[in-house]
Protein backbone atom coordinates (compact mmCIF):
# COMPACT_ATOMS: atom_id res chain seq x y z
CA MET A 1 -10.00 -30.88 -29.52
CA VAL A 2 -8.67 -28.43 -26.94
CA LYS A 3 -6.40 -25.74 -28.30
CA LYS A 4 -3.09 -25.19 -26.59
CA LEU A 5 -2.55 -21.74 -25.14
CA GLU A 6 -0.49 -19.54 -27.42
CA THR A 7 2.58 -18.55 -25.42
CA ASP A 8 6.26 -17.72 -25.69
CA PHE A 9 7.04 -19.92 -22.68
CA GLU A 10 7.77 -23.65 -22.53
CA VAL A 11 7.01 -23.64 -18.80
CA ALA A 12 4.37 -21.37 -17.25
CA GLY A 13 6.73 -20.56 -14.38
CA ASP A 14 9.08 -18.83 -16.83
CA SER A 15 6.52 -16.03 -17.37
CA PRO A 16 7.53 -12.98 -15.29
CA GLY A 17 3.93 -11.78 -15.26
CA LEU A 18 2.60 -15.07 -13.95
CA MET A 19 5.33 -15.29 -11.32
CA LEU A 20 4.68 -11.71 -10.21
CA TRP A 21 0.98 -12.54 -9.94
CA ARG A 22 1.66 -15.63 -7.81
CA VAL A 23 4.15 -13.88 -5.54
CA THR A 24 1.92 -10.83 -5.17
CA ASN A 25 -1.02 -12.98 -4.12
CA ALA A 26 1.08 -14.86 -1.57
CA TRP A 27 2.57 -11.61 -0.22
CA GLN A 28 -0.85 -9.94 0.02
CA ALA A 29 -2.18 -12.92 1.98
CA SER A 30 0.65 -12.52 4.49
CA ILE A 31 -0.05 -8.78 4.76
CA ARG A 32 -3.78 -9.39 5.29
CA ALA A 33 -2.94 -11.75 8.12
CA ALA A 34 -0.54 -9.22 9.67
CA LEU A 35 -3.17 -6.45 9.49
CA ARG A 36 -6.12 -8.50 10.75
CA PRO A 37 -5.51 -7.66 14.45
CA PHE A 38 -5.59 -3.94 13.57
CA ASP A 39 -8.93 -4.07 11.72
CA LEU A 40 -7.32 -2.53 8.64
CA THR A 41 -7.48 -3.61 5.03
CA HIS A 42 -4.28 -3.42 3.02
CA VAL A 43 -5.32 -0.23 1.21
CA GLN A 44 -6.50 1.36 4.47
CA PHE A 45 -3.09 0.59 5.95
CA VAL A 46 -1.21 1.94 2.92
CA LEU A 47 -3.10 5.24 2.98
CA LEU A 48 -2.93 5.62 6.76
CA ALA A 49 0.80 4.80 6.83
CA ALA A 50 1.48 7.11 3.87
CA LEU A 51 -0.42 9.95 5.51
CA THR A 52 1.44 9.37 8.77
CA TRP A 53 4.75 9.32 6.88
CA LEU A 54 3.88 12.51 5.01
CA ASP A 55 2.54 14.31 8.10
CA ALA A 56 4.16 17.71 7.86
CA GLU A 57 3.61 21.40 8.16
CA THR A 58 2.28 21.48 4.60
CA PRO A 59 -1.40 20.49 4.22
CA ILE A 60 -1.92 17.18 2.40
CA THR A 61 -4.94 16.85 0.12
CA GLN A 62 -6.61 13.59 -0.84
CA ARG A 63 -5.17 14.07 -4.32
CA ASP A 64 -1.65 14.50 -2.86
CA LEU A 65 -2.13 11.32 -0.86
CA ALA A 66 -3.47 9.39 -3.86
CA GLU A 67 -0.52 10.50 -5.99
CA TYR A 68 1.99 9.55 -3.29
CA ALA A 69 0.42 6.13 -2.65
CA ARG A 70 -0.37 5.64 -6.35
CA THR A 71 -3.98 4.82 -5.63
CA ASP A 72 -7.07 5.73 -7.59
CA PRO A 73 -8.37 9.15 -6.40
CA MET A 74 -12.00 7.97 -6.12
CA MET A 75 -11.01 4.88 -4.17
CA THR A 76 -8.75 7.02 -1.99
CA SER A 77 -11.71 9.25 -1.17
CA GLN A 78 -13.81 6.23 -0.16
CA VAL A 79 -11.04 4.80 2.00
CA ILE A 80 -10.41 8.17 3.65
CA ARG A 81 -14.12 8.29 4.56
CA THR A 82 -13.78 4.87 6.18
CA LEU A 83 -10.64 5.92 8.07
CA GLU A 84 -12.44 9.08 9.14
CA SER A 85 -15.39 7.03 10.48
CA LYS A 86 -12.85 5.04 12.51
CA LYS A 87 -11.48 8.36 13.85
CA LEU A 88 -8.04 7.63 12.40
CA VAL A 89 -7.98 10.66 10.09
CA GLU A 90 -9.74 14.00 9.87
CA ARG A 91 -10.63 16.07 6.86
CA ARG A 92 -10.23 19.79 7.44
CA PRO A 93 -10.61 22.89 5.31
CA HIS A 94 -7.47 23.58 3.31
CA PRO A 95 -5.80 26.77 4.55
CA THR A 96 -5.07 28.19 1.09
CA ASP A 97 -7.47 26.43 -1.33
CA ALA A 98 -11.16 26.86 -0.53
CA ARG A 99 -12.07 24.03 -2.93
CA ALA A 100 -9.78 21.47 -1.29
CA ARG A 101 -9.76 19.64 2.02
CA SER A 102 -6.63 18.62 3.82
CA VAL A 103 -6.34 15.18 5.38
CA VAL A 104 -4.71 14.90 8.78
CA VAL A 105 -3.88 11.75 10.72
CA THR A 106 -5.26 11.75 14.26
CA GLN A 107 -3.18 10.80 17.28
CA ALA A 108 -5.01 7.45 17.40
CA GLY A 109 -4.41 7.00 13.66
CA ALA A 110 -0.68 7.67 13.98
CA ALA A 111 -0.40 5.24 16.88
CA LEU A 112 -2.28 2.53 14.97
CA ALA A 113 -0.23 3.18 11.82
CA GLY A 114 2.98 2.71 13.81
CA LYS A 115 1.86 -0.57 15.37
CA ALA A 116 0.47 -1.89 12.11
CA ASN A 117 3.63 -0.87 10.26
CA ARG A 118 5.75 -2.87 12.71
CA ALA A 119 3.58 -5.93 12.01
CA VAL A 120 3.78 -5.38 8.24
CA GLU A 121 7.57 -4.96 8.36
CA ALA A 122 7.85 -8.17 10.41
CA SER A 123 5.68 -9.94 7.85
CA ASP A 124 7.85 -8.58 5.04
CA ARG A 125 11.04 -9.73 6.78
CA GLU A 126 9.64 -13.24 7.06
CA PHE A 127 8.21 -13.29 3.53
CA PHE A 128 11.32 -11.96 1.81
CA ALA A 129 13.83 -13.85 3.98
CA ALA A 130 14.17 -16.49 1.25
CA LEU A 131 15.98 -13.86 -0.86
CA GLY A 132 18.83 -13.70 1.64
CA ASP A 133 21.53 -11.27 0.58
CA ARG A 134 19.76 -10.78 -2.78
CA GLN A 135 16.98 -8.71 -1.20
CA ALA A 136 18.59 -5.33 -1.95
CA ALA A 137 19.05 -6.34 -5.60
CA PHE A 138 15.42 -7.48 -5.73
CA VAL A 139 14.24 -4.12 -4.37
CA ALA A 140 16.43 -2.34 -6.93
CA MET A 141 14.88 -4.39 -9.74
CA LEU A 142 11.39 -3.54 -8.48
CA GLY A 143 12.46 0.10 -8.53
CA VAL A 144 13.23 -0.21 -12.23
CA LEU A 145 9.66 -1.38 -12.82
CA ASP A 146 8.13 1.22 -10.49
CA ARG A 147 7.05 3.71 -13.13
CA LYS A 148 4.85 6.65 -12.38
């Protein structure tokens, strides 16, 4: 005899975790498709776009970037190496910390980030259009869950 799954839900679709999983997978598929023409993975895009967004007078370390993007520092390092091999970012000596390296977006990287971001925002508009005028409330609810 097969045991029934122990659950608090009468219908699987009532589980917020399951629904978040399903929606996240569908959203990520749309983002992958949007990024395909740019030869960027989703995480490469996130880090490149974040670095471009953060580009400032103050040097940005890999750790700073990982904290901002909320990515694993080791994975961030690997992705930065890939972006560096594509000549989209450069690692330079940090001006005040001899142990650290600063990460700088190249001109080509900033241009690609801008184009890719336009495609991602268009994908997001299409994906989230079903929310209509509830989109701002949805983003606010996600903000409640966005814990550091």
